[in-house]
Amino acid sequence: MTSIELPQGVLRLSVTSSTDVGSVRRVNEDALLADDLLLAVADGMGGHARGDLASATAVDALRANAPTAIGAVDAVFDLVEAANAAVRGLDVGGALCGTTLTGLTLVRPEEAGPVRWALFNVGDSRVYRWDGSAMQQLTVDHSAVQELVSAGLLTRELAETHPDRNIVTRALGADDAVETDVWTLPVVPRASYLLCSDGLTRELSDERIAALFERRDAGEIAAVDLARTLVREAVDAGGRDNVTVVVVDAVLDPRA
């Protein structure tokens, strides 16, 4: 449990994580970061040169540049740019080397204003929020099938089995400049956040993921075991890809 002093109160964070190579792949190309002020999941691009090296390099760059204090939103873009530069600098003999990156941190958009959550995303790894009754996907996949879904040409259900479902349209390492989605959200009194690679969401529906959070809330699954349970269920359901999960439980004790 980590306690962070915010202008609006004390934020108490509990973070758990888990990763598994899955049942098919020989190498785990996922990487994760679970720092006090910075959390992230990276999924190395399968089929390209050293996806494991790309994801690890991106996470190492985040760790090296992790904030020691809550900063401005611009700092989030700088973090992702540094990670992209690190991946671009890898020596893989001229081959394409890339990774997704999604994450969560705290920012203060206005000097005198409240601290907010900042989500950042490049690729098709995801961030969800569980509010105790509903699971909401907060990030938007940068993928070929998501573009079809957004255009109304494909349902989310059909997207899960579409032959182009593994094609991402943005990734770290693809270009010198990276286009990053960043959103800020209020720090609410109580919420859980799930960061995951697509190895989880390929095997478990959003409804099944929500059901496991409900079981955690009911005491049927220990909080410290939820991340491992999510990963284990994804592997048992087929494990066609590496599976990585970070779960953040956040409780705000407001100032009187």
C-alpha atoms as a PDB file:
ATOM      1  CA  MET A   1       0.000   0.000   0.000  1.00  0.00           C
ATOM      2  CA  THR A   2       1.322   3.410  -1.028  1.00  0.00           C
ATOM      3  CA  SER A   3      -0.074   6.707   0.296  1.00  0.00           C
ATOM      4  CA  ILE A   4       0.274   9.866  -1.802  1.00  0.00           C
ATOM      5  CA  GLU A   5      -0.591  13.336  -0.511  1.00  0.00           C
ATOM      6  CA  LEU A   6      -2.825  15.203  -2.970  1.00  0.00           C
ATOM      7  CA  PRO A   7      -4.409  18.660  -2.643  1.00  0.00           C
ATOM      8  CA  GLN A   8      -7.810  16.984  -2.416  1.00  0.00           C
ATOM      9  CA  GLY A   9      -6.821  14.281   0.097  1.00  0.00           C
ATOM     10  CA  VAL A  10      -4.668  11.207   0.617  1.00  0.00           C
ATOM     11  CA  LEU A  11      -4.651   8.691  -2.230  1.00  0.00           C
ATOM     12  CA  ARG A  12      -3.996   5.111  -1.143  1.00  0.00           C
ATOM     13  CA  LEU A  13      -2.786   2.790  -3.887  1.00  0.00           C
ATOM     14  CA  SER A  14      -2.440  -0.972  -3.900  1.00  0.00           C
ATOM     15  CA  VAL A  15      -0.780  -2.434  -6.989  1.00  0.00           C
ATOM     16  CA  THR A  16      -0.483  -6.074  -8.055  1.00  0.00           C
ATOM     17  CA  SER A  17       0.784  -7.511 -11.324  1.00  0.00           C
ATOM     18  CA  SER A  18       1.316 -10.773 -13.149  1.00  0.00           C
ATOM     19  CA  THR A  19       2.650 -11.959 -16.498  1.00  0.00           C
ATOM     20  CA  ASP A  20       2.848 -15.306 -18.300  1.00  0.00           C
ATOM     21  CA  VAL A  21       4.288 -16.488 -21.598  1.00  0.00           C
ATOM     22  CA  GLY A  22       1.025 -18.312 -22.388  1.00  0.00           C
ATOM     23  CA  SER A  23       0.487 -21.732 -23.910  1.00  0.00           C
ATOM     24  CA  VAL A  24       1.730 -21.125 -27.470  1.00  0.00           C
ATOM     25  CA  ARG A  25       4.561 -18.594 -27.549  1.00  0.00           C
ATOM     26  CA  ARG A  26       8.110 -19.567 -26.575  1.00  0.00           C
ATOM     27  CA  VAL A  27       9.175 -16.064 -25.495  1.00  0.00           C
ATOM     28  CA  ASN A  28       7.334 -13.568 -23.338  1.00  0.00           C
ATOM     29  CA  GLU A  29       7.415 -10.339 -25.344  1.00  0.00           C
ATOM     30  CA  ASP A  30       5.412  -8.398 -22.746  1.00  0.00           C
ATOM     31  CA  ALA A  31       6.884  -6.125 -20.085  1.00  0.00           C
ATOM     32  CA  LEU A  32       5.364  -4.183 -17.213  1.00  0.00           C
ATOM     33  CA  LEU A  33       6.146  -1.354 -14.822  1.00  0.00           C
ATOM     34  CA  ALA A  34       4.526  -0.963 -11.402  1.00  0.00           C
ATOM     35  CA  ASP A  35       6.112   2.109  -9.818  1.00  0.00           C
ATOM     36  CA  ASP A  36       4.488   4.374  -7.231  1.00  0.00           C
ATOM     37  CA  LEU A  37       3.761   7.174  -9.700  1.00  0.00           C
ATOM     38  CA  LEU A  38       3.961   5.311 -13.002  1.00  0.00           C
ATOM     39  CA  LEU A  39       2.351   2.092 -14.199  1.00  0.00           C
ATOM     40  CA  ALA A  40       2.607   0.623 -17.680  1.00  0.00           C
ATOM     41  CA  VAL A  41       2.255  -2.444 -19.891  1.00  0.00           C
ATOM     42  CA  ALA A  42       4.166  -2.948 -23.149  1.00  0.00           C
ATOM     43  CA  ASP A  43       3.564  -5.704 -25.702  1.00  0.00           C
ATOM     44  CA  GLY A  44       6.434  -6.320 -28.126  1.00  0.00           C
ATOM     45  CA  MET A  45       5.249  -6.726 -31.683  1.00  0.00           C
ATOM     46  CA  GLY A  46       5.165 -10.429 -32.473  1.00  0.00           C
ATOM     47  CA  GLY A  47       6.792 -11.484 -35.705  1.00  0.00           C
ATOM     48  CA  HIS A  48       9.181  -8.550 -35.690  1.00  0.00           C
ATOM     49  CA  ALA A  49      12.762  -8.445 -34.518  1.00  0.00           C
ATOM     50  CA  ARG A  50      13.123  -8.939 -30.780  1.00  0.00           C
ATOM     51  CA  GLY A  51       9.700  -7.921 -29.552  1.00  0.00           C
ATOM     52  CA  ASP A  52      10.859  -8.862 -26.064  1.00  0.00           C
ATOM     53  CA  LEU A  53      13.762  -6.417 -26.328  1.00  0.00           C
ATOM     54  CA  ALA A  54      11.488  -3.642 -27.617  1.00  0.00           C
ATOM     55  CA  SER A  55       8.989  -3.929 -24.768  1.00  0.00           C
ATOM     56  CA  ALA A  56      11.705  -4.235 -22.119  1.00  0.00           C
ATOM     57  CA  THR A  57      13.529  -1.218 -23.565  1.00  0.00           C
ATOM     58  CA  ALA A  58      10.356   0.888 -23.531  1.00  0.00           C
ATOM     59  CA  VAL A  59       9.649  -0.010 -19.906  1.00  0.00           C
ATOM     60  CA  ASP A  60      13.281   0.596 -18.910  1.00  0.00           C
ATOM     61  CA  ALA A  61      13.097   4.049 -20.501  1.00  0.00           C
ATOM     62  CA  LEU A  62       9.936   4.836 -18.552  1.00  0.00           C
ATOM     63  CA  ARG A  63      11.579   3.647 -15.348  1.00  0.00           C
ATOM     64  CA  ALA A  64      14.661   5.765 -15.989  1.00  0.00           C
ATOM     65  CA  ASN A  65      12.517   8.855 -16.571  1.00  0.00           C
ATOM     66  CA  ALA A  66       9.797   8.112 -14.018  1.00  0.00           C
ATOM     67  CA  PRO A  67       8.581  11.207 -12.189  1.00  0.00           C
ATOM     68  CA  THR A  68       9.636  11.700  -8.593  1.00  0.00           C
ATOM     69  CA  ALA A  69       6.798  14.187  -8.110  1.00  0.00           C
ATOM     70  CA  ILE A  70       3.440  14.843  -9.748  1.00  0.00           C
ATOM     71  CA  GLY A  71       4.011  16.953 -12.842  1.00  0.00           C
ATOM     72  CA  ALA A  72       2.207  18.498 -15.796  1.00  0.00           C
ATOM     73  CA  VAL A  73       0.465  16.665 -18.629  1.00  0.00           C
ATOM     74  CA  ASP A  74       3.291  17.570 -21.042  1.00  0.00           C
ATOM     75  CA  ALA A  75       5.590  15.344 -18.992  1.00  0.00           C
ATOM     76  CA  VAL A  76       3.516  12.326 -20.051  1.00  0.00           C
ATOM     77  CA  PHE A  77       4.171  13.016 -23.723  1.00  0.00           C
ATOM     78  CA  ASP A  78       7.870  13.444 -22.905  1.00  0.00           C
ATOM     79  CA  LEU A  79       7.915  10.036 -21.192  1.00  0.00           C
ATOM     80  CA  VAL A  80       6.489   8.291 -24.233  1.00  0.00           C
ATOM     81  CA  GLU A  81       8.809  10.183 -26.591  1.00  0.00           C
ATOM     82  CA  ALA A  82      11.800   9.022 -24.520  1.00  0.00           C
ATOM     83  CA  ALA A  83      10.562   5.429 -24.667  1.00  0.00           C
ATOM     84  CA  ASN A  84      10.076   5.681 -28.423  1.00  0.00           C
ATOM     85  CA  ALA A  85      13.588   7.067 -28.894  1.00  0.00           C
ATOM     86  CA  ALA A  86      15.019   4.203 -26.845  1.00  0.00           C
ATOM     87  CA  VAL A  87      13.241   1.602 -28.980  1.00  0.00           C
ATOM     88  CA  ARG A  88      14.281   3.382 -32.179  1.00  0.00           C
ATOM     89  CA  GLY A  89      17.882   3.289 -30.965  1.00  0.00           C
ATOM     90  CA  LEU A  90      18.013  -0.488 -30.671  1.00  0.00           C
ATOM     91  CA  ASP A  91      20.461  -2.263 -32.942  1.00  0.00           C
ATOM     92  CA  VAL A  92      18.463  -5.066 -34.568  1.00  0.00           C
ATOM     93  CA  GLY A  93      20.257  -5.151 -37.900  1.00  0.00           C
ATOM     94  CA  GLY A  94      17.855  -2.804 -39.637  1.00  0.00           C
ATOM     95  CA  ALA A  95      14.803  -4.953 -38.914  1.00  0.00           C
ATOM     96  CA  LEU A  96      11.482  -3.506 -37.700  1.00  0.00           C
ATOM     97  CA  CYS A  97      11.365  -3.446 -33.907  1.00  0.00           C
ATOM     98  CA  GLY A  98       8.333  -2.146 -32.055  1.00  0.00           C
ATOM     99  CA  THR A  99       6.030  -2.388 -29.076  1.00  0.00           C
ATOM    100  CA  THR A 100       2.717  -1.143 -27.796  1.00  0.00           C
ATOM    101  CA  LEU A 101       2.656   0.957 -24.641  1.00  0.00           C
ATOM    102  CA  THR A 102      -0.175   1.855 -22.304  1.00  0.00           C
ATOM    103  CA  GLY A 103       0.037   3.387 -18.882  1.00  0.00           C
ATOM    104  CA  LEU A 104      -1.328   5.356 -15.975  1.00  0.00           C
ATOM    105  CA  THR A 105       0.159   8.140 -13.876  1.00  0.00           C
ATOM    106  CA  LEU A 106      -0.849  11.183 -11.844  1.00  0.00           C
ATOM    107  CA  VAL A 107      -0.647  14.736 -13.186  1.00  0.00           C
ATOM    108  CA  ARG A 108      -1.578  18.238 -12.096  1.00  0.00           C
ATOM    109  CA  PRO A 109      -2.905  19.999 -15.209  1.00  0.00           C
ATOM    110  CA  GLU A 110      -3.230  23.330 -13.402  1.00  0.00           C
ATOM    111  CA  GLU A 111      -0.821  24.537 -10.738  1.00  0.00           C
ATOM    112  CA  ALA A 112      -3.604  25.441  -8.317  1.00  0.00           C
ATOM    113  CA  GLY A 113      -5.992  22.692  -9.412  1.00  0.00           C
ATOM    114  CA  PRO A 114      -6.599  19.118  -8.310  1.00  0.00           C
ATOM    115  CA  VAL A 115      -4.420  16.175  -9.272  1.00  0.00           C
ATOM    116  CA  ARG A 116      -5.900  13.940 -11.963  1.00  0.00           C
ATOM    117  CA  TRP A 117      -5.143  10.565 -13.470  1.00  0.00           C
ATOM    118  CA  ALA A 118      -3.464  10.608 -16.876  1.00  0.00           C
ATOM    119  CA  LEU A 119      -3.790   7.639 -19.218  1.00  0.00           C
ATOM    120  CA  PHE A 120      -1.478   7.226 -22.190  1.00  0.00           C
ATOM    121  CA  ASN A 121      -1.701   4.756 -25.025  1.00  0.00           C
ATOM    122  CA  VAL A 122       0.061   3.713 -28.223  1.00  0.00           C
ATOM    123  CA  GLY A 123      -1.151   0.466 -29.819  1.00  0.00           C
ATOM    124  CA  ASP A 124      -3.712  -2.055 -28.627  1.00  0.00           C
ATOM    125  CA  SER A 125      -2.830  -2.707 -25.002  1.00  0.00           C
ATOM    126  CA  ARG A 126      -5.603  -1.372 -22.793  1.00  0.00           C
ATOM    127  CA  VAL A 127      -6.594   0.429 -19.605  1.00  0.00           C
ATOM    128  CA  TYR A 128      -9.957  -0.343 -17.973  1.00  0.00           C
ATOM    129  CA  ARG A 129     -11.698   1.155 -14.947  1.00  0.00           C
ATOM    130  CA  TRP A 130     -13.824  -0.843 -12.505  1.00  0.00           C
ATOM    131  CA  ASP A 131     -16.110   1.328 -10.356  1.00  0.00           C
ATOM    132  CA  GLY A 132     -17.643  -1.469  -8.318  1.00  0.00           C
ATOM    133  CA  SER A 133     -20.488  -2.150 -10.715  1.00  0.00           C
ATOM    134  CA  ALA A 134     -19.247  -1.725 -14.305  1.00  0.00           C
ATOM    135  CA  MET A 135     -16.079  -2.309 -16.285  1.00  0.00           C
ATOM    136  CA  GLN A 136     -15.235   0.477 -18.758  1.00  0.00           C
ATOM    137  CA  GLN A 137     -12.508   0.424 -21.392  1.00  0.00           C
ATOM    138  CA  LEU A 138     -10.817   3.818 -21.176  1.00  0.00           C
ATOM    139  CA  THR A 139      -8.271   3.553 -23.978  1.00  0.00           C
ATOM    140  CA  VAL A 140      -9.027   3.203 -27.683  1.00  0.00           C
ATOM    141  CA  ASP A 141      -7.132   0.514 -29.598  1.00  0.00           C
ATOM    142  CA  HIS A 142      -4.893   1.686 -32.409  1.00  0.00           C
ATOM    143  CA  SER A 143      -5.626  -1.258 -34.660  1.00  0.00           C
ATOM    144  CA  ALA A 144      -6.989  -2.060 -38.094  1.00  0.00           C
ATOM    145  CA  VAL A 145     -10.109  -3.727 -36.678  1.00  0.00           C
ATOM    146  CA  GLN A 146     -10.826  -0.856 -34.265  1.00  0.00           C
ATOM    147  CA  GLU A 147     -10.894   1.523 -37.214  1.00  0.00           C
ATOM    148  CA  LEU A 148     -13.544  -0.712 -38.800  1.00  0.00           C
ATOM    149  CA  VAL A 149     -15.495  -0.864 -35.541  1.00  0.00           C
ATOM    150  CA  SER A 150     -15.332   2.922 -35.134  1.00  0.00           C
ATOM    151  CA  ALA A 151     -16.598   3.352 -38.699  1.00  0.00           C
ATOM    152  CA  GLY A 152     -19.545   1.055 -37.983  1.00  0.00           C
ATOM    153  CA  LEU A 153     -18.305  -1.545 -40.462  1.00  0.00           C
ATOM    154  CA  LEU A 154     -17.575  -4.274 -37.919  1.00  0.00           C
ATOM    155  CA  THR A 155     -18.958  -5.312 -34.552  1.00  0.00           C
ATOM    156  CA  ARG A 156     -16.680  -5.731 -31.541  1.00  0.00           C
ATOM    157  CA  GLU A 157     -17.631  -9.409 -31.447  1.00  0.00           C
ATOM    158  CA  LEU A 158     -16.562  -9.999 -35.058  1.00  0.00           C
ATOM    159  CA  ALA A 159     -13.426  -7.950 -34.488  1.00  0.00           C
ATOM    160  CA  GLU A 160     -12.207 -10.548 -31.982  1.00  0.00           C
ATOM    161  CA  THR A 161     -11.915 -13.179 -34.748  1.00  0.00           C
ATOM    162  CA  HIS A 162     -11.133 -10.933 -37.725  1.00  0.00           C
ATOM    163  CA  PRO A 163      -7.987 -11.993 -39.676  1.00  0.00           C
ATOM    164  CA  ASP A 164      -6.512  -8.494 -39.242  1.00  0.00           C
ATOM    165  CA  ARG A 165      -7.070  -8.354 -35.475  1.00  0.00           C
ATOM    166  CA  ASN A 166      -3.311  -8.398 -34.762  1.00  0.00           C
ATOM    167  CA  ILE A 167      -2.472  -5.428 -36.993  1.00  0.00           C
ATOM    168  CA  VAL A 168      -1.709  -2.302 -34.950  1.00  0.00           C
ATOM    169  CA  THR A 169      -1.726   1.114 -36.559  1.00  0.00           C
ATOM    170  CA  ARG A 170       0.537   2.822 -34.002  1.00  0.00           C
ATOM    171  CA  ALA A 171       3.551   1.495 -32.122  1.00  0.00           C
ATOM    172  CA  LEU A 172       6.704   2.659 -30.428  1.00  0.00           C
ATOM    173  CA  GLY A 173       9.696   2.196 -32.689  1.00  0.00           C
ATOM    174  CA  ALA A 174       7.810   2.595 -35.956  1.00  0.00           C
ATOM    175  CA  ASP A 175       8.798   6.242 -36.575  1.00  0.00           C
ATOM    176  CA  ASP A 176      10.995   8.955 -35.095  1.00  0.00           C
ATOM    177  CA  ALA A 177       7.865  10.720 -33.839  1.00  0.00           C
ATOM    178  CA  VAL A 178       5.119   8.845 -32.000  1.00  0.00           C
ATOM    179  CA  GLU A 179       1.469   9.869 -31.827  1.00  0.00           C
ATOM    180  CA  THR A 180       0.282   9.277 -28.269  1.00  0.00           C
ATOM    181  CA  ASP A 181      -3.266   9.386 -26.942  1.00  0.00           C
ATOM    182  CA  VAL A 182      -3.422  11.018 -23.505  1.00  0.00           C
ATOM    183  CA  TRP A 183      -6.544  11.521 -21.399  1.00  0.00           C
ATOM    184  CA  THR A 184      -6.956  12.951 -17.911  1.00  0.00           C
ATOM    185  CA  LEU A 185      -9.610  11.766 -15.488  1.00  0.00           C
ATOM    186  CA  PRO A 186     -10.634  12.925 -12.019  1.00  0.00           C
ATOM    187  CA  VAL A 187      -9.369  11.039  -8.989  1.00  0.00           C
ATOM    188  CA  VAL A 188     -12.616   9.549  -7.668  1.00  0.00           C
ATOM    189  CA  PRO A 189     -13.161   8.279  -4.102  1.00  0.00           C
ATOM    190  CA  ARG A 190     -12.788   4.618  -5.062  1.00  0.00           C
ATOM    191  CA  ALA A 191     -11.908   2.811  -8.300  1.00  0.00           C
ATOM    192  CA  SER A 192      -9.756   0.011  -9.675  1.00  0.00           C
ATOM    193  CA  TYR A 193      -7.745   0.246 -12.878  1.00  0.00           C
ATOM    194  CA  LEU A 194      -6.665  -2.651 -15.070  1.00  0.00           C
ATOM    195  CA  LEU A 195      -3.743  -2.360 -17.485  1.00  0.00           C
ATOM    196  CA  CYS A 196      -3.306  -5.338 -19.793  1.00  0.00           C
ATOM    197  CA  SER A 197      -1.820  -6.672 -22.999  1.00  0.00           C
ATOM    198  CA  ASP A 198      -4.157  -8.101 -25.613  1.00  0.00           C
ATOM    199  CA  GLY A 199      -3.265 -11.601 -24.474  1.00  0.00           C
ATOM    200  CA  LEU A 200      -5.835 -11.078 -21.719  1.00  0.00           C
ATOM    201  CA  THR A 201      -8.623  -9.588 -23.819  1.00  0.00           C
ATOM    202  CA  ARG A 202      -8.202 -12.135 -26.622  1.00  0.00           C
ATOM    203  CA  GLU A 203      -9.113 -14.890 -24.186  1.00  0.00           C
ATOM    204  CA  LEU A 204     -11.486 -13.238 -21.687  1.00  0.00           C
ATOM    205  CA  SER A 205     -14.497 -11.078 -22.509  1.00  0.00           C
ATOM    206  CA  ASP A 206     -15.016  -7.776 -20.737  1.00  0.00           C
ATOM    207  CA  GLU A 207     -17.936  -9.442 -18.959  1.00  0.00           C
ATOM    208  CA  ARG A 208     -15.733 -12.234 -17.638  1.00  0.00           C
ATOM    209  CA  ILE A 209     -13.094  -9.763 -16.485  1.00  0.00           C
ATOM    210  CA  ALA A 210     -15.786  -7.760 -14.677  1.00  0.00           C
ATOM    211  CA  ALA A 211     -17.076 -10.939 -13.032  1.00  0.00           C
ATOM    212  CA  LEU A 212     -13.637 -11.612 -11.551  1.00  0.00           C
ATOM    213  CA  PHE A 213     -13.512  -8.082 -10.130  1.00  0.00           C
ATOM    214  CA  GLU A 214     -16.965  -8.689  -8.636  1.00  0.00           C
ATOM    215  CA  ARG A 215     -15.698 -11.881  -7.006  1.00  0.00           C
ATOM    216  CA  ARG A 216     -12.734  -9.937  -5.601  1.00  0.00           C
ATOM    217  CA  ASP A 217     -15.085  -7.324  -4.167  1.00  0.00           C
ATOM    218  CA  ALA A 218     -17.222 -10.082  -2.621  1.00  0.00           C
ATOM    219  CA  GLY A 219     -14.179 -11.594  -0.933  1.00  0.00           C
ATOM    220  CA  GLU A 220     -14.199 -14.740  -3.079  1.00  0.00           C
ATOM    221  CA  ILE A 221     -10.807 -13.817  -4.552  1.00  0.00           C
ATOM    222  CA  ALA A 222      -8.138 -12.185  -2.397  1.00  0.00           C
ATOM    223  CA  ALA A 223      -7.151  -8.749  -3.665  1.00  0.00           C
ATOM    224  CA  VAL A 224      -3.502  -9.805  -3.874  1.00  0.00           C
ATOM    225  CA  ASP A 225      -4.501 -12.741  -6.099  1.00  0.00           C
ATOM    226  CA  LEU A 226      -6.670 -10.917  -8.649  1.00  0.00           C
ATOM    227  CA  ALA A 227      -3.890 -10.175 -11.165  1.00  0.00           C
ATOM    228  CA  ARG A 228      -2.650 -13.770 -11.015  1.00  0.00           C
ATOM    229  CA  THR A 229      -6.222 -15.058 -11.353  1.00  0.00           C
ATOM    230  CA  LEU A 230      -6.854 -12.971 -14.461  1.00  0.00           C
ATOM    231  CA  VAL A 231      -3.665 -14.216 -16.090  1.00  0.00           C
ATOM    232  CA  ARG A 232      -4.283 -17.822 -15.115  1.00  0.00           C
ATOM    233  CA  GLU A 233      -7.810 -17.765 -16.555  1.00  0.00           C
ATOM    234  CA  ALA A 234      -6.535 -16.301 -19.835  1.00  0.00           C
ATOM    235  CA  VAL A 235      -3.891 -19.015 -20.097  1.00  0.00           C
ATOM    236  CA  ASP A 236      -6.405 -21.728 -19.247  1.00  0.00           C
ATOM    237  CA  ALA A 237      -8.782 -20.330 -21.885  1.00  0.00           C
ATOM    238  CA  GLY A 238      -6.181 -20.885 -24.595  1.00  0.00           C
ATOM    239  CA  GLY A 239      -3.197 -18.689 -23.836  1.00  0.00           C
ATOM    240  CA  ARG A 240      -2.584 -17.960 -27.505  1.00  0.00           C
ATOM    241  CA  ASP A 241      -0.448 -14.936 -26.630  1.00  0.00           C
ATOM    242  CA  ASN A 242       1.614 -13.621 -23.737  1.00  0.00           C
ATOM    243  CA  VAL A 243      -0.614 -12.293 -20.952  1.00  0.00           C
ATOM    244  CA  THR A 244       0.281  -9.334 -18.726  1.00  0.00           C
ATOM    245  CA  VAL A 245      -1.854  -7.570 -16.140  1.00  0.00           C
ATOM    246  CA  VAL A 246      -1.403  -4.692 -13.688  1.00  0.00           C
ATOM    247  CA  VAL A 247      -4.248  -3.998 -11.225  1.00  0.00           C
ATOM    248  CA  VAL A 248      -4.369  -0.706  -9.323  1.00  0.00           C
ATOM    249  CA  ASP A 249      -6.828  -0.222  -6.465  1.00  0.00           C
ATOM    250  CA  ALA A 250      -7.167   3.469  -5.600  1.00  0.00           C
ATOM    251  CA  VAL A 251      -8.974   4.929  -2.588  1.00  0.00           C
ATOM    252  CA  LEU A 252      -9.087   8.671  -1.929  1.00  0.00           C
ATOM    253  CA  ASP A 253      -9.496   9.844   1.652  1.00  0.00           C
ATOM    254  CA  PRO A 254     -10.719  13.416   1.150  1.00  0.00           C
ATOM    255  CA  ARG A 255      -9.595  16.259   3.353  1.00  0.00           C
ATOM    256  CA  ALA A 256     -12.132  17.332   5.945  1.00  0.00           C
END
